[in-house]
Amino acid sequence: PESVARARGLHARMRALIDAIEAGAFGAIGHVLHLGIGGSALGPELLIDALGREMGRYDVAVVSNVDGAALDEVFATFDPHATLLVIASKSFTTSETMLNAASALAWMEEAGVADPYGRTIALTAAPDRAAAFGIDDTRILPFAESVGGRYSLWSSIGFPAALALGWQGFEELLEGGAAMDRHFRLAPFAANAPVLAALADLYYAQARRAETRAVFAYDERLRLLPSYLQQLEMESNGKRVTAAGEPLSCPSAPIVWGGVGTDAQHAMFQLLHQGTHLVPVEFVAVAEPGHALDEAHHRALLTNCFAQGAALMRGSASEDLARDYPGDRPSSTILLDRLDPAALGALIAFYEHRTFANATLLGINPFDQFGVELGKEIAKAIGEEEAAGFDASTAMLIARALG
């Protein structure tokens, strides 16, 4: 199919550009500054944080927030003469990303970098805008307009992760995702992991009235997984209207939240065990440790993970109600043999297909996100000092903070 050929062509261009960087075509590069937001940042940052840092190939920073403090923190530690700038924006008009890009280029220029634009790579579905911005065609990696941001890490949006992992690692990530694609497409529903997970989600939301789902990664390398899933699931399925334009007659996507174990046990698990809310819990753990420290560390991590699932299920009766654990609290555990690129690719693809299966069951279109537009429009109006007509509260805030 044409889409497959296009993807392969893009991956070939990505690999060639990585080879050129490693051969010194951009000078001595030690730092990579990736600018994007939403799907242009969450996926790459998850991959880099989970696997890329241990490779030690490049010092990669992902900056998404328009708050200047985020960029300033990077500027304090990066050498502008050894920095590769990557701008990721589907439209190449995303206001936060383009403001950050302008500041990063100015930082490089002020430091005396001869050609900052020559050290800049664009990842976009609007290559003409990237070219007009000043980036040479050879350094623009375009992806299809049909690719949604939260599903885009397999495309050129994954470029900084490919730099961090190395091309072989990125290919293994793709292969892991493809293996889960085949499973979702071919496995019967009774043995289809994404479908079964989606059916469980539907049951908890509609039969048990669960309004949230908690995801806890019992592996420090997966600490960004809950944040990644928040966008994937809530932006995809947080809708009140079906794909046919009819109001939904049942709850849509739950609120996704979570954290990293064992830290979360000392912050959130009181509510899970004894609170009044029913919260299905998902544990994600890895059998093989990601460090060379004493085995006692990993053993303690996994025993805590498994104990929490058992405690949620079993409970513990007590005549003192304050000490009574009602039990019968739902949880599931995803246990990876090891955390490598193939396993992470399969895990991410599992969640993508689960999200799609949920949307199909609900009749929702998971590929639009009109709910993010209104805030952007109002922010633009405030930025252009068109504050007339705002409610009293908003007008007061504008006057107080923006003058």
Protein backbone atom coordinates (compact mmCIF):
# COMPACT_ATOMS: atom_id res chain seq x y z
CA PRO A 1 0.00 0.00 0.00
CA GLU A 2 1.02 3.60 -0.61
CA SER A 3 0.95 4.43 3.11
CA VAL A 4 3.43 1.63 3.87
CA ALA A 5 5.77 2.76 1.09
CA ARG A 6 5.55 6.34 2.37
CA ALA A 7 6.37 5.23 5.93
CA ARG A 8 9.34 3.20 4.75
CA GLY A 9 10.61 6.14 2.73
CA LEU A 10 10.32 8.39 5.77
CA HIS A 11 12.18 5.91 7.95
CA ALA A 12 14.94 5.70 5.33
CA ARG A 13 15.29 9.49 5.42
CA MET A 14 15.36 9.46 9.23
CA ARG A 15 18.11 6.85 9.23
CA ALA A 16 20.16 8.75 6.64
CA LEU A 17 19.91 11.94 8.69
CA ILE A 18 20.96 10.12 11.87
CA ASP A 19 23.93 8.64 9.98
CA ALA A 20 24.88 12.14 8.81
CA ILE A 21 24.68 13.53 12.35
CA GLU A 22 26.84 10.70 13.67
CA ALA A 23 29.34 11.24 10.85
CA GLY A 24 29.80 14.86 11.96
CA ALA A 25 27.83 16.65 9.24
CA PHE A 26 26.34 18.95 11.91
CA GLY A 27 29.57 19.36 13.83
CA ALA A 28 30.26 17.83 17.23
CA ILE A 29 26.77 17.22 18.60
CA GLY A 30 26.44 16.19 22.23
CA HIS A 31 23.06 17.70 23.10
CA VAL A 32 19.65 17.43 21.44
CA LEU A 33 16.92 19.94 22.30
CA HIS A 34 13.51 18.68 21.18
CA LEU A 35 10.68 21.22 21.12
CA GLY A 36 7.08 20.06 20.82
CA ILE A 37 3.91 19.76 22.86
CA GLY A 38 1.21 17.15 23.33
CA GLY A 39 1.75 14.18 21.05
CA SER A 40 4.86 15.84 19.63
CA ALA A 41 6.52 15.59 23.04
CA LEU A 42 4.88 12.98 25.28
CA GLY A 43 5.69 9.96 23.11
CA PRO A 44 9.32 10.84 22.37
CA GLU A 45 9.93 11.80 25.99
CA LEU A 46 8.52 8.49 27.23
CA LEU A 47 10.82 6.56 24.88
CA ILE A 48 13.88 8.61 25.74
CA ASP A 49 13.26 8.49 29.48
CA ALA A 50 12.57 4.75 29.46
CA LEU A 51 15.45 3.61 27.29
CA GLY A 52 17.41 6.41 25.65
CA ARG A 53 19.21 7.85 28.65
CA GLU A 54 20.87 4.57 29.55
CA MET A 55 22.28 4.35 26.02
CA GLY A 56 24.33 7.49 26.71
CA ARG A 57 24.43 8.45 23.03
CA TYR A 58 23.20 12.04 23.41
CA ASP A 59 22.00 14.28 26.20
CA VAL A 60 18.40 14.81 25.06
CA ALA A 61 16.04 17.37 26.59
CA VAL A 62 12.37 17.54 25.65
CA VAL A 63 10.78 20.94 26.30
CA SER A 64 7.04 21.30 25.83
CA ASN A 65 5.89 23.98 28.25
CA VAL A 66 5.80 27.57 27.06
CA ASP A 67 6.94 28.62 30.55
CA GLY A 68 10.38 30.10 29.94
CA ALA A 69 11.70 28.38 33.07
CA ALA A 70 11.66 25.06 31.20
CA LEU A 71 13.93 26.38 28.43
CA ASP A 72 16.08 28.33 30.84
CA GLU A 73 16.88 25.14 32.73
CA VAL A 74 18.18 23.56 29.52
CA PHE A 75 20.12 26.65 28.48
CA ALA A 76 21.95 26.52 31.81
CA THR A 77 23.39 23.07 31.11
CA PHE A 78 23.60 22.73 27.30
CA ASP A 79 26.45 23.99 25.14
CA PRO A 80 24.79 25.89 22.25
CA HIS A 81 27.75 25.04 19.99
CA ALA A 82 27.14 21.31 20.52
CA THR A 83 23.33 21.39 20.39
CA LEU A 84 21.04 20.03 17.69
CA LEU A 85 17.61 21.70 17.68
CA VAL A 86 14.54 19.64 16.74
CA ILE A 87 11.20 21.41 16.19
CA ALA A 88 8.18 19.10 16.18
CA SER A 89 4.83 20.56 15.19
CA LYS A 90 2.26 18.96 12.93
CA SER A 91 1.02 22.32 11.63
CA PHE A 92 4.28 24.19 12.26
CA THR A 93 2.12 26.92 13.78
CA THR A 94 1.70 25.57 17.33
CA SER A 95 2.09 28.76 19.35
CA GLU A 96 3.95 27.31 22.34
CA THR A 97 6.39 25.35 20.20
CA MET A 98 7.12 28.20 17.80
CA LEU A 99 7.75 30.64 20.65
CA ASN A 100 10.13 28.15 22.23
CA ALA A 101 11.83 27.64 18.85
CA ALA A 102 12.37 31.37 18.41
CA SER A 103 13.92 31.60 21.88
CA ALA A 104 16.17 28.58 21.29
CA LEU A 105 17.42 29.95 17.97
CA ALA A 106 18.07 33.33 19.59
CA TRP A 107 20.05 31.58 22.36
CA MET A 108 22.22 29.88 19.75
CA GLU A 109 22.70 33.10 17.76
CA GLU A 110 23.65 35.09 20.86
CA ALA A 111 26.22 32.42 21.72
CA GLY A 112 27.86 32.92 18.32
CA VAL A 113 26.67 29.76 16.57
CA ALA A 114 27.33 30.57 12.92
CA ASP A 115 24.21 29.00 11.40
CA PRO A 116 21.59 27.97 14.00
CA TYR A 117 19.07 27.08 11.28
CA GLY A 118 21.66 24.73 9.81
CA ARG A 119 21.56 22.81 13.08
CA THR A 120 17.77 22.63 13.15
CA ILE A 121 15.56 19.73 12.08
CA ALA A 122 11.80 20.00 11.52
CA LEU A 123 9.28 17.21 12.10
CA THR A 124 5.96 18.27 10.60
CA ALA A 125 3.01 17.57 8.34
CA ALA A 126 3.43 21.07 6.88
CA PRO A 127 6.86 21.00 5.18
CA ASP A 128 6.17 24.20 3.23
CA ARG A 129 5.79 26.15 6.49
CA ALA A 130 8.99 24.64 7.85
CA ALA A 131 10.82 25.68 4.69
CA ALA A 132 9.39 29.20 4.93
CA PHE A 133 10.62 29.30 8.54
CA GLY A 134 14.15 28.84 7.20
CA ILE A 135 14.84 25.12 7.43
CA ASP A 136 16.38 23.40 4.43
CA ASP A 137 14.35 20.65 2.75
CA THR A 138 17.06 18.10 3.56
CA ARG A 139 16.40 18.66 7.25
CA ILE A 140 12.61 18.49 7.11
CA LEU A 141 11.10 15.11 7.94
CA PRO A 142 7.44 15.24 6.91
CA PHE A 143 4.73 12.88 8.11
CA ALA A 144 1.21 12.46 6.76
CA GLU A 145 -1.53 14.92 7.70
CA SER A 146 -3.69 11.92 8.64
CA VAL A 147 -1.34 10.96 11.51
CA GLY A 148 -2.68 12.25 14.82
CA GLY A 149 -0.17 13.62 17.29
CA ARG A 150 -0.91 11.10 20.03
CA TYR A 151 -0.38 8.24 17.57
CA SER A 152 2.69 9.74 15.90
CA LEU A 153 5.74 8.43 17.76
CA TRP A 154 6.18 5.76 15.06
CA SER A 155 6.62 8.53 12.46
CA SER A 156 9.29 11.22 12.21
CA ILE A 157 8.04 12.53 15.58
CA GLY A 158 10.06 9.63 16.99
CA PHE A 159 13.26 11.09 15.50
CA PRO A 160 14.81 12.27 18.81
CA ALA A 161 14.07 8.85 20.30
CA ALA A 162 15.75 7.21 17.31
CA LEU A 163 18.78 9.42 17.93
CA ALA A 164 18.84 8.44 21.60
CA LEU A 165 18.22 4.72 21.04
CA GLY A 166 20.21 4.31 17.85
CA TRP A 167 18.56 3.17 14.63
CA GLN A 168 18.64 -0.50 15.55
CA GLY A 169 16.84 0.26 18.81
CA PHE A 170 14.20 2.31 16.98
CA GLU A 171 13.66 -0.50 14.48
CA GLU A 172 13.17 -2.93 17.36
CA LEU A 173 10.59 -0.54 18.80
CA LEU A 174 8.75 -0.56 15.46
CA GLU A 175 8.92 -4.35 15.32
CA GLY A 176 7.44 -4.64 18.80
CA GLY A 177 4.59 -2.34 17.81
CA ALA A 178 4.02 -4.32 14.60
CA ALA A 179 3.82 -7.57 16.58
CA MET A 180 1.04 -6.10 18.73
CA ASP A 181 -0.67 -4.81 15.56
CA ARG A 182 -0.75 -8.37 14.24
CA HIS A 183 -2.06 -9.72 17.54
CA PHE A 184 -4.88 -7.16 17.59
CA ARG A 185 -5.78 -7.85 13.96
CA LEU A 186 -5.63 -11.65 14.07
CA ALA A 187 -6.29 -12.92 17.60
CA PRO A 188 -9.87 -14.02 18.38
CA PHE A 189 -11.68 -11.66 20.74
CA ALA A 190 -11.53 -14.21 23.58
CA ALA A 191 -7.72 -14.05 23.48
CA ASN A 192 -7.22 -10.50 22.19
CA ALA A 193 -5.46 -8.44 24.86
CA PRO A 194 -6.53 -4.92 23.72
CA VAL A 195 -10.14 -6.05 23.19
CA LEU A 196 -10.34 -7.78 26.58
CA ALA A 197 -8.89 -4.70 28.29
CA ALA A 198 -11.41 -2.46 26.51
CA LEU A 199 -14.29 -4.72 27.55
CA ALA A 200 -13.10 -4.53 31.15
CA ASP A 201 -12.96 -0.74 30.87
CA LEU A 202 -16.53 -0.71 29.56
CA TYR A 203 -17.73 -2.96 32.39
CA TYR A 204 -16.13 -0.88 35.14
CA ALA A 205 -17.41 2.39 33.68
CA GLN A 206 -20.97 1.30 33.01
CA ALA A 207 -21.75 -1.53 35.43
CA ARG A 208 -19.58 -0.40 38.36
CA ARG A 209 -19.76 3.37 37.67
CA ALA A 210 -16.01 3.84 37.91
CA GLU A 211 -15.12 7.35 36.75
CA THR A 212 -11.33 7.03 36.90
CA ARG A 213 -8.62 4.46 36.22
CA ALA A 214 -5.25 4.49 37.94
CA VAL A 215 -2.04 3.30 36.27
CA PHE A 216 1.04 2.65 38.38
CA ALA A 217 4.38 1.84 36.79
CA TYR A 218 6.47 -0.33 39.08
CA ASP A 219 9.62 0.55 37.18
CA GLU A 220 11.29 3.94 37.41
CA ARG A 221 12.02 3.88 33.68
CA LEU A 222 8.27 3.93 32.96
CA ARG A 223 7.49 6.86 35.24
CA LEU A 224 6.16 8.92 32.32
CA LEU A 225 3.74 6.21 31.18
CA PRO A 226 0.72 7.60 33.11
CA SER A 227 1.22 11.06 31.56
CA TYR A 228 1.50 9.54 28.09
CA LEU A 229 -1.70 7.53 28.62
CA GLN A 230 -3.58 10.58 29.84
CA GLN A 231 -3.29 12.19 26.44
CA LEU A 232 -3.72 8.99 24.46
CA GLU A 233 -6.93 7.96 26.19
CA MET A 234 -8.51 11.19 27.42
CA GLU A 235 -7.91 13.22 24.25
CA SER A 236 -9.04 10.30 22.08
CA ASN A 237 -12.14 9.23 23.96
CA GLY A 238 -13.04 12.13 26.23
CA LYS A 239 -16.07 12.95 24.08
CA ARG A 240 -19.78 13.47 24.73
CA VAL A 241 -20.91 12.90 21.14
CA THR A 242 -20.73 9.79 18.96
CA ALA A 243 -19.06 9.66 15.56
CA ALA A 244 -22.57 9.99 14.11
CA GLY A 245 -23.09 13.30 15.94
CA GLU A 246 -25.50 11.95 18.56
CA PRO A 247 -25.15 12.58 22.31
CA LEU A 248 -23.58 9.68 24.17
CA SER A 249 -26.00 7.82 26.41
CA CYS A 250 -23.26 6.36 28.63
CA PRO A 251 -19.99 7.48 30.23
CA SER A 252 -17.05 7.97 27.87
CA ALA A 253 -13.36 7.69 28.73
CA PRO A 254 -12.50 7.62 32.42
CA ILE A 255 -10.08 10.07 33.97
CA VAL A 256 -6.63 8.46 33.81
CA TRP A 257 -4.20 9.16 36.61
CA GLY A 258 -1.40 7.37 38.39
CA GLY A 259 2.24 7.44 39.33
CA VAL A 260 5.28 5.30 39.98
CA GLY A 261 5.61 2.53 42.56
CA THR A 262 6.54 2.31 45.34
CA ASP A 263 6.26 6.09 45.81
CA ALA A 264 2.54 6.10 45.03
CA GLN A 265 1.82 3.67 47.85
CA HIS A 266 2.76 6.42 50.30
CA ALA A 267 0.64 9.06 48.58
CA MET A 268 -2.49 7.66 46.90
CA PHE A 269 -3.18 4.10 47.96
CA GLN A 270 -5.10 5.05 51.10
CA LEU A 271 -7.95 6.16 48.84
CA LEU A 272 -7.70 3.06 46.68
CA HIS A 273 -7.95 0.66 49.61
CA GLN A 274 -10.42 2.45 51.89
CA GLY A 275 -11.92 5.39 50.01
CA THR A 276 -15.49 5.69 48.74
CA HIS A 277 -14.49 5.74 45.06
CA LEU A 278 -14.21 2.55 43.05
CA VAL A 279 -10.99 2.89 41.04
CA PRO A 280 -9.80 0.07 38.75
CA VAL A 281 -6.04 -0.10 39.16
CA GLU A 282 -3.49 -1.15 36.56
CA PHE A 283 0.01 -2.19 37.58
CA VAL A 284 2.80 -2.28 34.98
CA ALA A 285 5.93 -4.12 36.10
CA VAL A 286 9.08 -5.62 34.58
CA ALA A 287 10.45 -8.99 35.68
CA GLU A 288 14.08 -8.19 34.82
CA PRO A 289 15.67 -5.25 36.66
CA GLY A 290 16.99 -2.25 34.77
CA HIS A 291 20.01 -1.74 37.02
CA ALA A 292 23.01 -3.61 38.38
CA LEU A 293 22.37 -2.96 42.08
CA ASP A 294 21.69 -5.67 44.62
CA GLU A 295 18.79 -7.95 43.70
CA ALA A 296 17.09 -6.91 46.94
CA HIS A 297 15.99 -3.64 45.29
CA HIS A 298 14.10 -5.29 42.46
CA ARG A 299 12.71 -8.01 44.67
CA ALA A 300 11.31 -5.39 47.06
CA LEU A 301 9.82 -3.47 44.13
CA LEU A 302 8.00 -6.49 42.69
CA THR A 303 6.84 -7.88 46.04
CA ASN A 304 5.24 -4.52 46.79
CA CYS A 305 3.56 -4.46 43.39
CA PHE A 306 2.11 -7.95 43.73
CA ALA A 307 1.12 -7.34 47.37
CA GLN A 308 -0.91 -4.26 46.44
CA GLY A 309 -2.92 -6.18 43.87
CA ALA A 310 -3.60 -8.96 46.37
CA ALA A 311 -4.57 -6.47 49.10
CA LEU A 312 -7.01 -4.67 46.81
CA MET A 313 -8.68 -7.99 46.01
CA ARG A 314 -8.64 -9.69 49.42
CA GLY A 315 -9.13 -6.83 51.84
CA SER A 316 -8.95 -7.41 55.59
CA ALA A 317 -11.94 -7.42 57.93
CA SER A 318 -11.81 -5.55 61.22
CA GLU A 319 -14.41 -4.58 63.81
CA ASP A 320 -12.72 -1.18 63.86
CA LEU A 321 -14.11 0.34 60.66
CA ALA A 322 -11.14 2.69 60.37
CA ARG A 323 -8.93 -0.39 60.02
CA ASP A 324 -11.29 -2.40 57.81
CA TYR A 325 -10.28 -3.06 54.20
CA PRO A 326 -13.41 -3.94 52.22
CA GLY A 327 -11.50 -5.63 49.39
CA ASP A 328 -13.11 -6.55 46.08
CA ARG A 329 -11.28 -3.60 44.50
CA PRO A 330 -10.41 -4.41 40.86
CA SER A 331 -6.85 -4.45 39.58
CA SER A 332 -4.86 -5.97 36.73
CA THR A 333 -1.13 -6.40 36.21
CA ILE A 334 0.89 -6.17 33.02
CA LEU A 335 4.22 -7.94 33.55
CA LEU A 336 6.93 -7.50 30.93
CA ASP A 337 9.81 -9.98 30.84
CA ARG A 338 12.23 -7.11 30.29
CA LEU A 339 12.08 -3.47 29.23
CA ASP A 340 13.72 -3.25 25.82
CA PRO A 341 12.66 -1.39 22.65
CA ALA A 342 10.55 -4.29 21.33
CA ALA A 343 8.69 -4.71 24.62
CA LEU A 344 8.06 -0.98 24.94
CA GLY A 345 6.81 -0.83 21.35
CA ALA A 346 4.38 -3.67 22.03
CA LEU A 347 3.19 -2.03 25.26
CA ILE A 348 2.50 1.31 23.58
CA ALA A 349 0.72 -0.37 20.66
CA PHE A 350 -1.38 -2.36 23.16
CA TYR A 351 -2.61 0.89 24.70
CA GLU A 352 -3.26 2.42 21.27
CA HIS A 353 -5.40 -0.54 20.19
CA ARG A 354 -7.17 -0.61 23.55
CA THR A 355 -8.05 3.06 23.07
CA PHE A 356 -9.37 2.35 19.57
CA ALA A 357 -11.37 -0.66 20.81
CA ASN A 358 -12.93 1.48 23.53
CA ALA A 359 -13.87 4.10 20.96
CA THR A 360 -15.43 1.44 18.74
CA LEU A 361 -17.50 0.05 21.62
CA LEU A 362 -18.74 3.55 22.45
CA GLY A 363 -19.19 4.71 18.85
CA ILE A 364 -16.71 7.56 19.38
CA ASN A 365 -14.25 9.00 16.86
CA PRO A 366 -10.89 8.73 18.68
CA PHE A 367 -8.99 10.72 16.06
CA ASP A 368 -10.33 14.24 16.61
CA GLN A 369 -9.89 16.64 19.54
CA PHE A 370 -12.15 19.64 19.08
CA GLY A 371 -12.18 20.13 22.84
CA VAL A 372 -8.72 21.69 22.78
CA GLU A 373 -9.60 24.50 20.35
CA LEU A 374 -11.73 26.92 22.39
CA GLY A 375 -9.03 27.59 24.97
CA LYS A 376 -6.54 28.31 22.17
CA GLU A 377 -8.92 30.81 20.58
CA ILE A 378 -9.52 32.63 23.86
CA ALA A 379 -5.77 32.67 24.64
CA LYS A 380 -5.15 34.24 21.23
CA ALA A 381 -7.78 36.91 21.89
CA ILE A 382 -6.22 37.72 25.26
CA GLY A 383 -2.75 37.84 23.69
CA GLU A 384 -4.02 40.28 21.08
CA GLU A 385 -5.52 42.41 23.88
CA GLU A 386 -9.08 41.76 22.82
CA ALA A 387 -10.26 41.44 26.43
CA ALA A 388 -13.51 43.31 25.96
CA GLY A 389 -16.53 41.16 26.65
CA PHE A 390 -14.82 38.74 29.01
CA ASP A 391 -16.50 37.78 32.24
CA ALA A 392 -15.57 39.83 35.31
CA SER A 393 -13.29 37.15 36.77
CA THR A 394 -11.23 36.70 33.59
CA ALA A 395 -11.07 40.46 32.97
CA MET A 396 -9.79 41.02 36.52
CA LEU A 397 -7.06 38.38 36.10
CA ILE A 398 -5.97 39.93 32.79
CA ALA A 399 -5.81 43.40 34.33
CA ARG A 400 -3.93 42.18 37.40
CA ALA A 401 -1.27 40.04 35.69
CA LEU A 402 -1.00 41.30 32.12
CA GLY A 403 -1.68 45.00 32.58
